[in-house]
Amino acid sequence: MDRLNEAAELLRNAPEVALSCHVGPDGDALGSMLGVAWVLRNQGKTVWPSFGEPFVVPDAYRFLPVELLVAPAEVPEAPSVMVTFDAGSADRLGLLAGPAGKAEHLVVIDHHVSNQGFGTIDLIDPAAAATAEVCVALLAELGWPIDPVAATCFQTALVTDTGRFQYSNTTPKTLETAAAMVAAGARPETIGRHVYEEVPFGYLGVAAAVLGRARLDPDRRLVWSVMTVDDLDTAGIGMDDTDPLIDALRVARESDVAMLIKEAGDSRQKVSLRSRGRVDVGSIAVELGGGGHHNAAGFTFDGSIEAAADAVISRLAPVE
C-alpha cells in the first residue's frame, strides 16, 4: 500500500480529524487546510482545523470558509488522527506541535524540499508547486467530490504559492490542477480581488515610506528596504496588511534578489526574501532559522535591522 492510499484509508475510516497548518499561515497553508477540512466535514467527519498563536486570519483570506476554524486550545491534546499542512517541521506548528506529537496517526502533507518527514504517514512532494496539489491528489484517491467552496480554497493556495502562476515552480500538473479547480467552481476573479486587489488605504502610505527607503546593492544585485513599527502606527494598519510590499520591491530590473525587513518589536525582525531564480533564498532562510522555497522564503531574526540585513547580504556572493 503506497502512502497516498494509506492516508486515504486512514481518513476514510476516521470519524474525527484534527488539522493544523504552520503559524502565520499564507494562502497555501490556510487554503489547503480549509479545503481538506471542508471536504472532510461534507463527508460527516468532525473536524478541528486550527493554527498556532497568533491565531489571527489575514484579512486577505477571510473570504475562505474561516468559520470552520477553532482556537488552538480547542484542538484535542492527543487526537487519534491529525493532518498537518505546509509545515516543513513540527516546530512550525507552534502550540499545535504538542497535539501533533501525541497523535496516534499523523499525516504530514507538504511540498518543502527541506521537510524530512515527521509523521506516521508523510505525503511530501517537492515537485508540487503547492501543498494544495498534494491535497487534491489525496482527495482524488479518496474519490470525494470537491465542491466550489473547497475548489476556491485549493485555487487560492495554487495562485498564491505560484505568484499567480508566474514562478518557476509552475508545472503542467499545476495548471491542470488549477483548471480542475475552476471547473469545480472556483472563481479566479473573486480570489484575485480579495488576495491582490484589496488593501486598506493606510497601506499606500506605508508603501510610499518603504519604497522611498529602498536601497540597491548592484554588486549583489539586491534591492532591499525596511518597514518600521512607526510606519504601521502612523497608517493605522497591521503587519498582515503589508504582505504585498515585497512584490513591489522585487520589480526593480537591476535586482536578482529582493529583501524586506519588517520591524516586529522587541528587537525582532521579520525578513521576507524573493529571488528571480539565480539565488536560492530558501536555503538562506533555512540557515537563519526560517524556511520557504527557492524563490520565496522568510525568517524571523533576533537582533537589529542592520544585523538582519548583514546576515543576508553576507550570504549573497557578488555577481561577476
C-alpha atoms as a PDB file:
ATOM      1  CA  MET A   1       0.000   0.000   0.000  1.00  0.00           C
ATOM      2  CA  ASP A   2       1.548   3.335  -1.016  1.00  0.00           C
ATOM      3  CA  ARG A   3       1.468   6.338   1.279  1.00  0.00           C
ATOM      4  CA  LEU A   4      -1.272   8.158  -0.637  1.00  0.00           C
ATOM      5  CA  ASN A   5      -3.569   5.146  -0.414  1.00  0.00           C
ATOM      6  CA  GLU A   6      -2.618   4.602   3.235  1.00  0.00           C
ATOM      7  CA  ALA A   7      -3.503   8.203   4.098  1.00  0.00           C
ATOM      8  CA  ALA A   8      -6.752   7.935   2.149  1.00  0.00           C
ATOM      9  CA  GLU A   9      -7.844   4.825   4.027  1.00  0.00           C
ATOM     10  CA  LEU A  10      -6.962   6.431   7.343  1.00  0.00           C
ATOM     11  CA  LEU A  11      -9.108   9.483   6.606  1.00  0.00           C
ATOM     12  CA  ARG A  12     -11.920   7.386   5.145  1.00  0.00           C
ATOM     13  CA  ASN A  13     -12.277   5.492   8.414  1.00  0.00           C
ATOM     14  CA  ALA A  14     -11.643   8.357  10.849  1.00  0.00           C
ATOM     15  CA  PRO A  15     -14.756   9.851  12.475  1.00  0.00           C
ATOM     16  CA  GLU A  16     -12.773  12.824  13.841  1.00  0.00           C
ATOM     17  CA  VAL A  17      -9.738  14.663  12.434  1.00  0.00           C
ATOM     18  CA  ALA A  18      -7.595  17.445  13.866  1.00  0.00           C
ATOM     19  CA  LEU A  19      -5.889  19.666  11.303  1.00  0.00           C
ATOM     20  CA  SER A  20      -3.119  22.240  11.575  1.00  0.00           C
ATOM     21  CA  CYS A  21      -1.079  24.419   9.254  1.00  0.00           C
ATOM     22  CA  HIS A  22       2.013  26.427  10.089  1.00  0.00           C
ATOM     23  CA  VAL A  23       1.922  29.554  12.236  1.00  0.00           C
ATOM     24  CA  GLY A  24       1.344  32.818  10.386  1.00  0.00           C
ATOM     25  CA  PRO A  25      -0.446  30.940   7.602  1.00  0.00           C
ATOM     26  CA  ASP A  26      -0.148  32.004   3.981  1.00  0.00           C
ATOM     27  CA  GLY A  27      -2.564  31.203   1.172  1.00  0.00           C
ATOM     28  CA  ASP A  28      -1.250  27.696   0.589  1.00  0.00           C
ATOM     29  CA  ALA A  29      -1.225  26.693   4.261  1.00  0.00           C
ATOM     30  CA  LEU A  30      -4.656  28.089   5.055  1.00  0.00           C
ATOM     31  CA  GLY A  31      -6.250  27.214   1.729  1.00  0.00           C
ATOM     32  CA  SER A  32      -5.013  23.621   1.798  1.00  0.00           C
ATOM     33  CA  MET A  33      -6.127  23.039   5.383  1.00  0.00           C
ATOM     34  CA  LEU A  34      -9.554  24.637   4.989  1.00  0.00           C
ATOM     35  CA  GLY A  35     -10.165  22.872   1.674  1.00  0.00           C
ATOM     36  CA  VAL A  36      -9.496  19.450   3.178  1.00  0.00           C
ATOM     37  CA  ALA A  37     -11.429  20.320   6.352  1.00  0.00           C
ATOM     38  CA  TRP A  38     -14.439  21.383   4.271  1.00  0.00           C
ATOM     39  CA  VAL A  39     -14.451  18.133   2.293  1.00  0.00           C
ATOM     40  CA  LEU A  40     -13.999  16.076   5.473  1.00  0.00           C
ATOM     41  CA  ARG A  41     -16.940  17.843   7.093  1.00  0.00           C
ATOM     42  CA  ASN A  42     -19.051  17.199   3.994  1.00  0.00           C
ATOM     43  CA  GLN A  43     -18.261  13.517   4.495  1.00  0.00           C
ATOM     44  CA  GLY A  44     -19.728  13.644   8.015  1.00  0.00           C
ATOM     45  CA  LYS A  45     -16.429  13.949   9.906  1.00  0.00           C
ATOM     46  CA  THR A  46     -15.890  16.095  12.989  1.00  0.00           C
ATOM     47  CA  VAL A  47     -13.002  18.444  12.226  1.00  0.00           C
ATOM     48  CA  TRP A  48     -10.783  20.744  14.278  1.00  0.00           C
ATOM     49  CA  PRO A  49      -8.788  22.937  11.852  1.00  0.00           C
ATOM     50  CA  SER A  50      -6.513  25.457  13.564  1.00  0.00           C
ATOM     51  CA  PHE A  51      -3.044  27.002  13.725  1.00  0.00           C
ATOM     52  CA  GLY A  52      -0.742  28.214  16.483  1.00  0.00           C
ATOM     53  CA  GLU A  53      -0.593  31.665  18.037  1.00  0.00           C
ATOM     54  CA  PRO A  54      -1.010  34.358  16.984  1.00  0.00           C
ATOM     55  CA  PHE A  55      -4.386  32.957  15.991  1.00  0.00           C
ATOM     56  CA  VAL A  56      -5.288  35.694  13.527  1.00  0.00           C
ATOM     57  CA  VAL A  57      -6.523  35.142   9.964  1.00  0.00           C
ATOM     58  CA  PRO A  58      -5.052  37.642   7.479  1.00  0.00           C
ATOM     59  CA  ASP A  59      -7.779  39.870   6.044  1.00  0.00           C
ATOM     60  CA  ALA A  60      -6.924  38.783   2.501  1.00  0.00           C
ATOM     61  CA  TYR A  61      -8.093  35.226   3.266  1.00  0.00           C
ATOM     62  CA  ARG A  62     -11.285  35.929   5.213  1.00  0.00           C
ATOM     63  CA  PHE A  63     -13.354  35.070   2.126  1.00  0.00           C
ATOM     64  CA  LEU A  64     -12.376  31.421   2.663  1.00  0.00           C
ATOM     65  CA  PRO A  65     -14.551  29.270   4.997  1.00  0.00           C
ATOM     66  CA  VAL A  66     -12.818  30.537   8.141  1.00  0.00           C
ATOM     67  CA  GLU A  67     -15.927  29.715  10.171  1.00  0.00           C
ATOM     68  CA  LEU A  68     -14.531  26.175  10.301  1.00  0.00           C
ATOM     69  CA  LEU A  69     -11.534  27.302  12.360  1.00  0.00           C
ATOM     70  CA  VAL A  70     -11.258  26.587  16.060  1.00  0.00           C
ATOM     71  CA  ALA A  71      -8.848  28.171  18.530  1.00  0.00           C
ATOM     72  CA  PRO A  72      -5.703  26.099  19.128  1.00  0.00           C
ATOM     73  CA  ALA A  73      -6.809  25.397  22.706  1.00  0.00           C
ATOM     74  CA  GLU A  74      -9.884  23.591  21.339  1.00  0.00           C
ATOM     75  CA  VAL A  75      -7.825  21.032  19.404  1.00  0.00           C
ATOM     76  CA  PRO A  76      -7.696  17.678  21.264  1.00  0.00           C
ATOM     77  CA  GLU A  77      -4.440  17.212  23.165  1.00  0.00           C
ATOM     78  CA  ALA A  78      -3.910  13.698  21.778  1.00  0.00           C
ATOM     79  CA  PRO A  79      -6.053  13.235  18.661  1.00  0.00           C
ATOM     80  CA  SER A  80      -6.459   9.830  17.093  1.00  0.00           C
ATOM     81  CA  VAL A  81      -5.877  11.308  13.611  1.00  0.00           C
ATOM     82  CA  MET A  82      -4.210  14.616  12.804  1.00  0.00           C
ATOM     83  CA  VAL A  83      -3.169  16.146   9.493  1.00  0.00           C
ATOM     84  CA  THR A  84      -0.640  18.979   9.063  1.00  0.00           C
ATOM     85  CA  PHE A  85      -0.329  21.235   6.036  1.00  0.00           C
ATOM     86  CA  ASP A  86       2.582  23.166   4.539  1.00  0.00           C
ATOM     87  CA  ALA A  87       4.696  22.831   7.690  1.00  0.00           C
ATOM     88  CA  GLY A  88       8.284  21.835   6.958  1.00  0.00           C
ATOM     89  CA  SER A  89       8.919  20.671  10.518  1.00  0.00           C
ATOM     90  CA  ALA A  90       6.959  20.133  13.725  1.00  0.00           C
ATOM     91  CA  ASP A  91       8.202  23.344  15.313  1.00  0.00           C
ATOM     92  CA  ARG A  92       6.462  25.320  12.536  1.00  0.00           C
ATOM     93  CA  LEU A  93       3.163  24.261  14.128  1.00  0.00           C
ATOM     94  CA  GLY A  94       3.750  26.371  17.227  1.00  0.00           C
ATOM     95  CA  LEU A  95       1.346  25.398  20.031  1.00  0.00           C
ATOM     96  CA  LEU A  96      -0.091  22.589  17.920  1.00  0.00           C
ATOM     97  CA  ALA A  97       3.220  20.739  17.821  1.00  0.00           C
ATOM     98  CA  GLY A  98       2.049  19.186  21.102  1.00  0.00           C
ATOM     99  CA  PRO A  99      -1.098  17.517  19.731  1.00  0.00           C
ATOM    100  CA  ALA A 100       0.815  16.531  16.582  1.00  0.00           C
ATOM    101  CA  GLY A 101       3.449  14.789  18.679  1.00  0.00           C
ATOM    102  CA  LYS A 102       0.808  12.922  20.693  1.00  0.00           C
ATOM    103  CA  ALA A 103      -1.432  11.966  17.760  1.00  0.00           C
ATOM    104  CA  GLU A 104      -1.879   8.237  17.207  1.00  0.00           C
ATOM    105  CA  HIS A 105      -1.749   8.813  13.451  1.00  0.00           C
ATOM    106  CA  LEU A 106      -0.138  11.944  11.969  1.00  0.00           C
ATOM    107  CA  VAL A 107      -0.380  12.682   8.252  1.00  0.00           C
ATOM    108  CA  VAL A 108       2.116  15.308   7.070  1.00  0.00           C
ATOM    109  CA  ILE A 109       1.157  16.966   3.775  1.00  0.00           C
ATOM    110  CA  ASP A 110       3.781  19.295   2.351  1.00  0.00           C
ATOM    111  CA  HIS A 111       5.912  20.259  -0.636  1.00  0.00           C
ATOM    112  CA  HIS A 112       9.008  21.757   1.010  1.00  0.00           C
ATOM    113  CA  VAL A 113      12.192  20.015  -0.098  1.00  0.00           C
ATOM    114  CA  SER A 114      13.654  20.629   3.377  1.00  0.00           C
ATOM    115  CA  ASN A 115      10.901  18.558   5.045  1.00  0.00           C
ATOM    116  CA  GLN A 116      12.469  15.299   6.254  1.00  0.00           C
ATOM    117  CA  GLY A 117       9.127  13.964   7.451  1.00  0.00           C
ATOM    118  CA  PHE A 118       7.769  13.923  10.999  1.00  0.00           C
ATOM    119  CA  GLY A 119       4.512  11.999  10.673  1.00  0.00           C
ATOM    120  CA  THR A 120       3.408   8.395  10.733  1.00  0.00           C
ATOM    121  CA  ILE A 121       2.432   8.964   7.087  1.00  0.00           C
ATOM    122  CA  ASP A 122       4.402  11.583   5.146  1.00  0.00           C
ATOM    123  CA  LEU A 123       2.918  12.924   1.902  1.00  0.00           C
ATOM    124  CA  ILE A 124       5.744  15.218   0.827  1.00  0.00           C
ATOM    125  CA  ASP A 125       6.163  16.082  -2.841  1.00  0.00           C
ATOM    126  CA  PRO A 126       8.915  18.652  -3.526  1.00  0.00           C
ATOM    127  CA  ALA A 127       7.888  18.660  -7.204  1.00  0.00           C
ATOM    128  CA  ALA A 128       4.475  20.069  -6.294  1.00  0.00           C
ATOM    129  CA  ALA A 129       4.102  23.828  -6.656  1.00  0.00           C
ATOM    130  CA  ALA A 130       1.905  23.978  -3.561  1.00  0.00           C
ATOM    131  CA  THR A 131       0.727  21.740  -0.753  1.00  0.00           C
ATOM    132  CA  ALA A 132      -2.718  22.036  -2.356  1.00  0.00           C
ATOM    133  CA  GLU A 133      -1.537  19.873  -5.262  1.00  0.00           C
ATOM    134  CA  VAL A 134      -0.907  17.019  -2.846  1.00  0.00           C
ATOM    135  CA  CYS A 135      -4.272  17.621  -1.148  1.00  0.00           C
ATOM    136  CA  VAL A 136      -6.140  17.416  -4.453  1.00  0.00           C
ATOM    137  CA  ALA A 137      -4.342  14.167  -5.293  1.00  0.00           C
ATOM    138  CA  LEU A 138      -5.313  12.744  -1.886  1.00  0.00           C
ATOM    139  CA  LEU A 139      -8.977  13.642  -2.371  1.00  0.00           C
ATOM    140  CA  ALA A 140      -8.880  12.085  -5.840  1.00  0.00           C
ATOM    141  CA  GLU A 141      -7.559   8.892  -4.237  1.00  0.00           C
ATOM    142  CA  LEU A 142     -10.498   9.013  -1.831  1.00  0.00           C
ATOM    143  CA  GLY A 143     -12.954   9.691  -4.643  1.00  0.00           C
ATOM    144  CA  TRP A 144     -14.535  12.503  -2.644  1.00  0.00           C
ATOM    145  CA  PRO A 145     -16.002  15.430  -4.608  1.00  0.00           C
ATOM    146  CA  ILE A 146     -14.514  18.917  -4.470  1.00  0.00           C
ATOM    147  CA  ASP A 147     -17.311  21.483  -4.412  1.00  0.00           C
ATOM    148  CA  PRO A 148     -16.959  25.215  -5.244  1.00  0.00           C
ATOM    149  CA  VAL A 149     -16.017  26.144  -1.658  1.00  0.00           C
ATOM    150  CA  ALA A 150     -13.200  23.590  -1.451  1.00  0.00           C
ATOM    151  CA  ALA A 151     -12.120  24.392  -5.009  1.00  0.00           C
ATOM    152  CA  THR A 152     -11.795  28.058  -4.052  1.00  0.00           C
ATOM    153  CA  CYS A 153      -9.595  27.103  -1.094  1.00  0.00           C
ATOM    154  CA  PHE A 154      -7.270  24.993  -3.234  1.00  0.00           C
ATOM    155  CA  GLN A 155      -7.176  27.517  -6.069  1.00  0.00           C
ATOM    156  CA  THR A 156      -6.203  30.248  -3.591  1.00  0.00           C
ATOM    157  CA  ALA A 157      -3.345  28.027  -2.436  1.00  0.00           C
ATOM    158  CA  LEU A 158      -2.166  27.433  -6.004  1.00  0.00           C
ATOM    159  CA  VAL A 159      -2.437  31.084  -7.032  1.00  0.00           C
ATOM    160  CA  THR A 160      -0.515  32.426  -4.035  1.00  0.00           C
ATOM    161  CA  ASP A 161       2.296  29.870  -3.958  1.00  0.00           C
ATOM    162  CA  THR A 162       2.993  30.257  -7.683  1.00  0.00           C
ATOM    163  CA  GLY A 163       2.821  34.065  -7.725  1.00  0.00           C
ATOM    164  CA  ARG A 164      -0.271  33.912  -9.946  1.00  0.00           C
ATOM    165  CA  PHE A 165       1.373  31.125 -11.976  1.00  0.00           C
ATOM    166  CA  GLN A 166       4.433  33.275 -12.725  1.00  0.00           C
ATOM    167  CA  TYR A 167       7.027  31.473 -10.557  1.00  0.00           C
ATOM    168  CA  SER A 168       9.257  28.744 -11.941  1.00  0.00           C
ATOM    169  CA  ASN A 169       7.558  26.142  -9.718  1.00  0.00           C
ATOM    170  CA  THR A 170       4.521  26.290 -12.030  1.00  0.00           C
ATOM    171  CA  THR A 171       4.332  22.993 -13.923  1.00  0.00           C
ATOM    172  CA  PRO A 172       1.855  21.462 -16.391  1.00  0.00           C
ATOM    173  CA  LYS A 173       0.423  19.486 -13.458  1.00  0.00           C
ATOM    174  CA  THR A 174      -0.054  22.732 -11.518  1.00  0.00           C
ATOM    175  CA  LEU A 175      -2.014  24.248 -14.376  1.00  0.00           C
ATOM    176  CA  GLU A 176      -4.038  21.060 -14.832  1.00  0.00           C
ATOM    177  CA  THR A 177      -4.924  21.127 -11.130  1.00  0.00           C
ATOM    178  CA  ALA A 178      -5.863  24.805 -11.373  1.00  0.00           C
ATOM    179  CA  ALA A 179      -8.060  24.110 -14.395  1.00  0.00           C
ATOM    180  CA  ALA A 180      -9.796  21.331 -12.460  1.00  0.00           C
ATOM    181  CA  MET A 181     -10.483  23.725  -9.582  1.00  0.00           C
ATOM    182  CA  VAL A 182     -12.016  26.301 -11.916  1.00  0.00           C
ATOM    183  CA  ALA A 183     -14.133  23.544 -13.439  1.00  0.00           C
ATOM    184  CA  ALA A 184     -15.226  22.613  -9.907  1.00  0.00           C
ATOM    185  CA  GLY A 185     -16.456  26.148  -9.258  1.00  0.00           C
ATOM    186  CA  ALA A 186     -13.517  28.278  -8.118  1.00  0.00           C
ATOM    187  CA  ARG A 187     -13.843  31.882  -9.309  1.00  0.00           C
ATOM    188  CA  PRO A 188     -10.440  33.367 -10.317  1.00  0.00           C
ATOM    189  CA  GLU A 189     -11.786  36.919 -10.276  1.00  0.00           C
ATOM    190  CA  THR A 190     -13.009  36.544  -6.681  1.00  0.00           C
ATOM    191  CA  ILE A 191      -9.695  35.157  -5.491  1.00  0.00           C
ATOM    192  CA  GLY A 192      -7.721  37.797  -7.363  1.00  0.00           C
ATOM    193  CA  ARG A 193      -9.779  40.644  -5.957  1.00  0.00           C
ATOM    194  CA  HIS A 194      -9.537  39.554  -2.320  1.00  0.00           C
ATOM    195  CA  VAL A 195      -5.877  38.499  -2.365  1.00  0.00           C
ATOM    196  CA  TYR A 196      -4.285  41.043  -4.700  1.00  0.00           C
ATOM    197  CA  GLU A 197      -6.624  43.976  -5.256  1.00  0.00           C
ATOM    198  CA  GLU A 198      -7.852  44.955  -1.790  1.00  0.00           C
ATOM    199  CA  VAL A 199      -5.718  46.784   0.786  1.00  0.00           C
ATOM    200  CA  PRO A 200      -6.607  49.349   3.454  1.00  0.00           C
ATOM    201  CA  PHE A 201      -5.953  52.956   2.466  1.00  0.00           C
ATOM    202  CA  GLY A 202      -3.159  53.182   5.046  1.00  0.00           C
ATOM    203  CA  TYR A 203      -1.192  50.636   3.037  1.00  0.00           C
ATOM    204  CA  LEU A 204      -0.491  53.291   0.418  1.00  0.00           C
ATOM    205  CA  GLY A 205       1.343  55.467   2.951  1.00  0.00           C
ATOM    206  CA  VAL A 206       3.376  52.537   4.233  1.00  0.00           C
ATOM    207  CA  ALA A 207       4.254  51.525   0.682  1.00  0.00           C
ATOM    208  CA  ALA A 208       5.407  55.064  -0.072  1.00  0.00           C
ATOM    209  CA  ALA A 209       7.661  55.071   3.001  1.00  0.00           C
ATOM    210  CA  VAL A 210       9.119  51.618   2.317  1.00  0.00           C
ATOM    211  CA  LEU A 211       9.749  52.244  -1.373  1.00  0.00           C
ATOM    212  CA  GLY A 212      11.299  55.594  -0.506  1.00  0.00           C
ATOM    213  CA  ARG A 213      13.868  53.774   1.652  1.00  0.00           C
ATOM    214  CA  ALA A 214      14.733  51.171  -0.978  1.00  0.00           C
ATOM    215  CA  ARG A 215      18.436  50.545  -1.487  1.00  0.00           C
ATOM    216  CA  LEU A 216      20.247  48.816  -4.305  1.00  0.00           C
ATOM    217  CA  ASP A 217      23.383  46.728  -3.871  1.00  0.00           C
ATOM    218  CA  PRO A 218      24.481  46.481  -7.519  1.00  0.00           C
ATOM    219  CA  ASP A 219      27.369  44.103  -6.758  1.00  0.00           C
ATOM    220  CA  ARG A 220      24.978  41.506  -5.347  1.00  0.00           C
ATOM    221  CA  ARG A 221      22.000  42.555  -7.458  1.00  0.00           C
ATOM    222  CA  LEU A 222      19.995  43.020  -4.274  1.00  0.00           C
ATOM    223  CA  VAL A 223      17.251  45.543  -3.650  1.00  0.00           C
ATOM    224  CA  TRP A 224      16.059  45.888  -0.083  1.00  0.00           C
ATOM    225  CA  SER A 225      14.156  48.098   2.287  1.00  0.00           C
ATOM    226  CA  VAL A 226      12.801  48.396   5.812  1.00  0.00           C
ATOM    227  CA  MET A 227       9.313  48.774   7.263  1.00  0.00           C
ATOM    228  CA  THR A 228       9.137  50.196  10.786  1.00  0.00           C
ATOM    229  CA  VAL A 229       6.636  49.890  13.595  1.00  0.00           C
ATOM    230  CA  ASP A 230       6.134  53.661  13.293  1.00  0.00           C
ATOM    231  CA  ASP A 231       5.088  53.194   9.664  1.00  0.00           C
ATOM    232  CA  LEU A 232       2.285  50.882  10.760  1.00  0.00           C
ATOM    233  CA  ASP A 233       1.243  53.036  13.700  1.00  0.00           C
ATOM    234  CA  THR A 234       1.052  56.151  11.534  1.00  0.00           C
ATOM    235  CA  ALA A 235      -1.031  54.366   8.914  1.00  0.00           C
ATOM    236  CA  GLY A 236      -3.213  52.554  11.441  1.00  0.00           C
ATOM    237  CA  ILE A 237      -2.789  49.147   9.799  1.00  0.00           C
ATOM    238  CA  GLY A 238      -1.354  45.794  10.865  1.00  0.00           C
ATOM    239  CA  MET A 239       1.644  43.857   9.616  1.00  0.00           C
ATOM    240  CA  ASP A 240      -0.597  41.346   7.840  1.00  0.00           C
ATOM    241  CA  ASP A 241      -1.863  44.187   5.659  1.00  0.00           C
ATOM    242  CA  THR A 242       1.628  44.709   4.214  1.00  0.00           C
ATOM    243  CA  ASP A 243       2.228  41.295   2.621  1.00  0.00           C
ATOM    244  CA  PRO A 244       2.198  42.703  -0.964  1.00  0.00           C
ATOM    245  CA  LEU A 245       5.126  45.063  -0.247  1.00  0.00           C
ATOM    246  CA  ILE A 246       7.850  42.536  -1.046  1.00  0.00           C
ATOM    247  CA  ASP A 247       6.433  42.145  -4.545  1.00  0.00           C
ATOM    248  CA  ALA A 248       6.562  45.901  -5.053  1.00  0.00           C
ATOM    249  CA  LEU A 249      10.291  45.830  -4.249  1.00  0.00           C
ATOM    250  CA  ARG A 250      11.165  42.870  -6.440  1.00  0.00           C
ATOM    251  CA  VAL A 251      10.177  44.552  -9.712  1.00  0.00           C
ATOM    252  CA  ALA A 252      13.415  46.566  -9.919  1.00  0.00           C
ATOM    253  CA  ARG A 253      15.142  45.481 -13.140  1.00  0.00           C
ATOM    254  CA  GLU A 254      18.578  45.628 -11.518  1.00  0.00           C
ATOM    255  CA  SER A 255      17.715  43.063  -8.827  1.00  0.00           C
ATOM    256  CA  ASP A 256      18.011  39.296  -8.678  1.00  0.00           C
ATOM    257  CA  VAL A 257      17.031  39.243  -5.013  1.00  0.00           C
ATOM    258  CA  ALA A 258      14.611  41.400  -3.022  1.00  0.00           C
ATOM    259  CA  MET A 259      14.556  41.681   0.766  1.00  0.00           C
ATOM    260  CA  LEU A 260      12.081  43.427   3.053  1.00  0.00           C
ATOM    261  CA  ILE A 261      12.866  43.732   6.745  1.00  0.00           C
ATOM    262  CA  LYS A 262       9.841  44.405   8.935  1.00  0.00           C
ATOM    263  CA  GLU A 263      10.283  45.593  12.498  1.00  0.00           C
ATOM    264  CA  ALA A 264       8.297  43.252  14.760  1.00  0.00           C
ATOM    265  CA  GLY A 265       9.178  44.875  18.102  1.00  0.00           C
ATOM    266  CA  ASP A 266      11.393  43.706  20.971  1.00  0.00           C
ATOM    267  CA  SER A 267      14.483  43.763  18.705  1.00  0.00           C
ATOM    268  CA  ARG A 268      12.945  41.179  16.379  1.00  0.00           C
ATOM    269  CA  GLN A 269      12.717  41.495  12.616  1.00  0.00           C
ATOM    270  CA  LYS A 270      10.594  39.575  10.121  1.00  0.00           C
ATOM    271  CA  VAL A 271      12.503  39.182   6.876  1.00  0.00           C
ATOM    272  CA  SER A 272      10.912  38.335   3.520  1.00  0.00           C
ATOM    273  CA  LEU A 273      13.068  37.233   0.576  1.00  0.00           C
ATOM    274  CA  ARG A 274      12.313  36.833  -3.124  1.00  0.00           C
ATOM    275  CA  SER A 275      14.531  35.629  -5.977  1.00  0.00           C
ATOM    276  CA  ARG A 276      14.298  35.694  -9.738  1.00  0.00           C
ATOM    277  CA  GLY A 277      15.863  32.223  -9.805  1.00  0.00           C
ATOM    278  CA  ARG A 278      19.655  32.657  -9.758  1.00  0.00           C
ATOM    279  CA  VAL A 279      19.810  32.661  -5.939  1.00  0.00           C
ATOM    280  CA  ASP A 280      18.193  30.043  -3.685  1.00  0.00           C
ATOM    281  CA  VAL A 281      16.710  32.273  -0.981  1.00  0.00           C
ATOM    282  CA  GLY A 282      15.057  29.245   0.612  1.00  0.00           C
ATOM    283  CA  SER A 283      18.434  27.870   1.673  1.00  0.00           C
ATOM    284  CA  ILE A 284      19.426  31.262   3.098  1.00  0.00           C
ATOM    285  CA  ALA A 285      16.197  31.406   5.119  1.00  0.00           C
ATOM    286  CA  VAL A 286      16.726  27.867   6.432  1.00  0.00           C
ATOM    287  CA  GLU A 287      20.259  28.766   7.565  1.00  0.00           C
ATOM    288  CA  LEU A 288      18.767  31.668   9.505  1.00  0.00           C
ATOM    289  CA  GLY A 289      16.045  29.632  11.185  1.00  0.00           C
ATOM    290  CA  GLY A 290      13.222  30.119   8.683  1.00  0.00           C
ATOM    291  CA  GLY A 291      12.022  28.337   5.596  1.00  0.00           C
ATOM    292  CA  GLY A 292      10.381  28.611   2.227  1.00  0.00           C
ATOM    293  CA  HIS A 293      11.199  27.821  -1.368  1.00  0.00           C
ATOM    294  CA  HIS A 294      13.934  28.534  -3.892  1.00  0.00           C
ATOM    295  CA  ASN A 295      12.343  31.814  -4.990  1.00  0.00           C
ATOM    296  CA  ALA A 296      10.300  32.849  -1.946  1.00  0.00           C
ATOM    297  CA  ALA A 297      11.242  32.472   1.704  1.00  0.00           C
ATOM    298  CA  GLY A 298      11.435  34.210   5.046  1.00  0.00           C
ATOM    299  CA  PHE A 299      12.682  34.073   8.616  1.00  0.00           C
ATOM    300  CA  THR A 300      12.439  35.853  11.955  1.00  0.00           C
ATOM    301  CA  PHE A 301      15.648  37.435  13.247  1.00  0.00           C
ATOM    302  CA  ASP A 302      16.528  38.323  16.838  1.00  0.00           C
ATOM    303  CA  GLY A 303      18.645  41.444  16.589  1.00  0.00           C
ATOM    304  CA  SER A 304      18.815  44.811  14.918  1.00  0.00           C
ATOM    305  CA  ILE A 305      17.712  45.745  11.417  1.00  0.00           C
ATOM    306  CA  GLU A 306      21.338  46.205  10.420  1.00  0.00           C
ATOM    307  CA  ALA A 307      22.289  42.773  11.752  1.00  0.00           C
ATOM    308  CA  ALA A 308      19.393  41.145   9.916  1.00  0.00           C
ATOM    309  CA  ALA A 309      20.424  42.828   6.671  1.00  0.00           C
ATOM    310  CA  ASP A 310      24.064  41.814   7.151  1.00  0.00           C
ATOM    311  CA  ALA A 311      23.040  38.202   7.801  1.00  0.00           C
ATOM    312  CA  VAL A 312      21.500  38.009   4.345  1.00  0.00           C
ATOM    313  CA  ILE A 313      23.977  40.206   2.488  1.00  0.00           C
ATOM    314  CA  SER A 314      26.914  38.159   3.788  1.00  0.00           C
ATOM    315  CA  ARG A 315      25.334  35.085   2.194  1.00  0.00           C
ATOM    316  CA  LEU A 316      24.993  36.683  -1.237  1.00  0.00           C
ATOM    317  CA  ALA A 317      28.056  36.399  -3.423  1.00  0.00           C
ATOM    318  CA  PRO A 318      28.913  39.394  -5.616  1.00  0.00           C
ATOM    319  CA  VAL A 319      27.943  38.905  -9.252  1.00  0.00           C
ATOM    320  CA  GLU A 320      30.906  38.828 -11.593  1.00  0.00           C
END
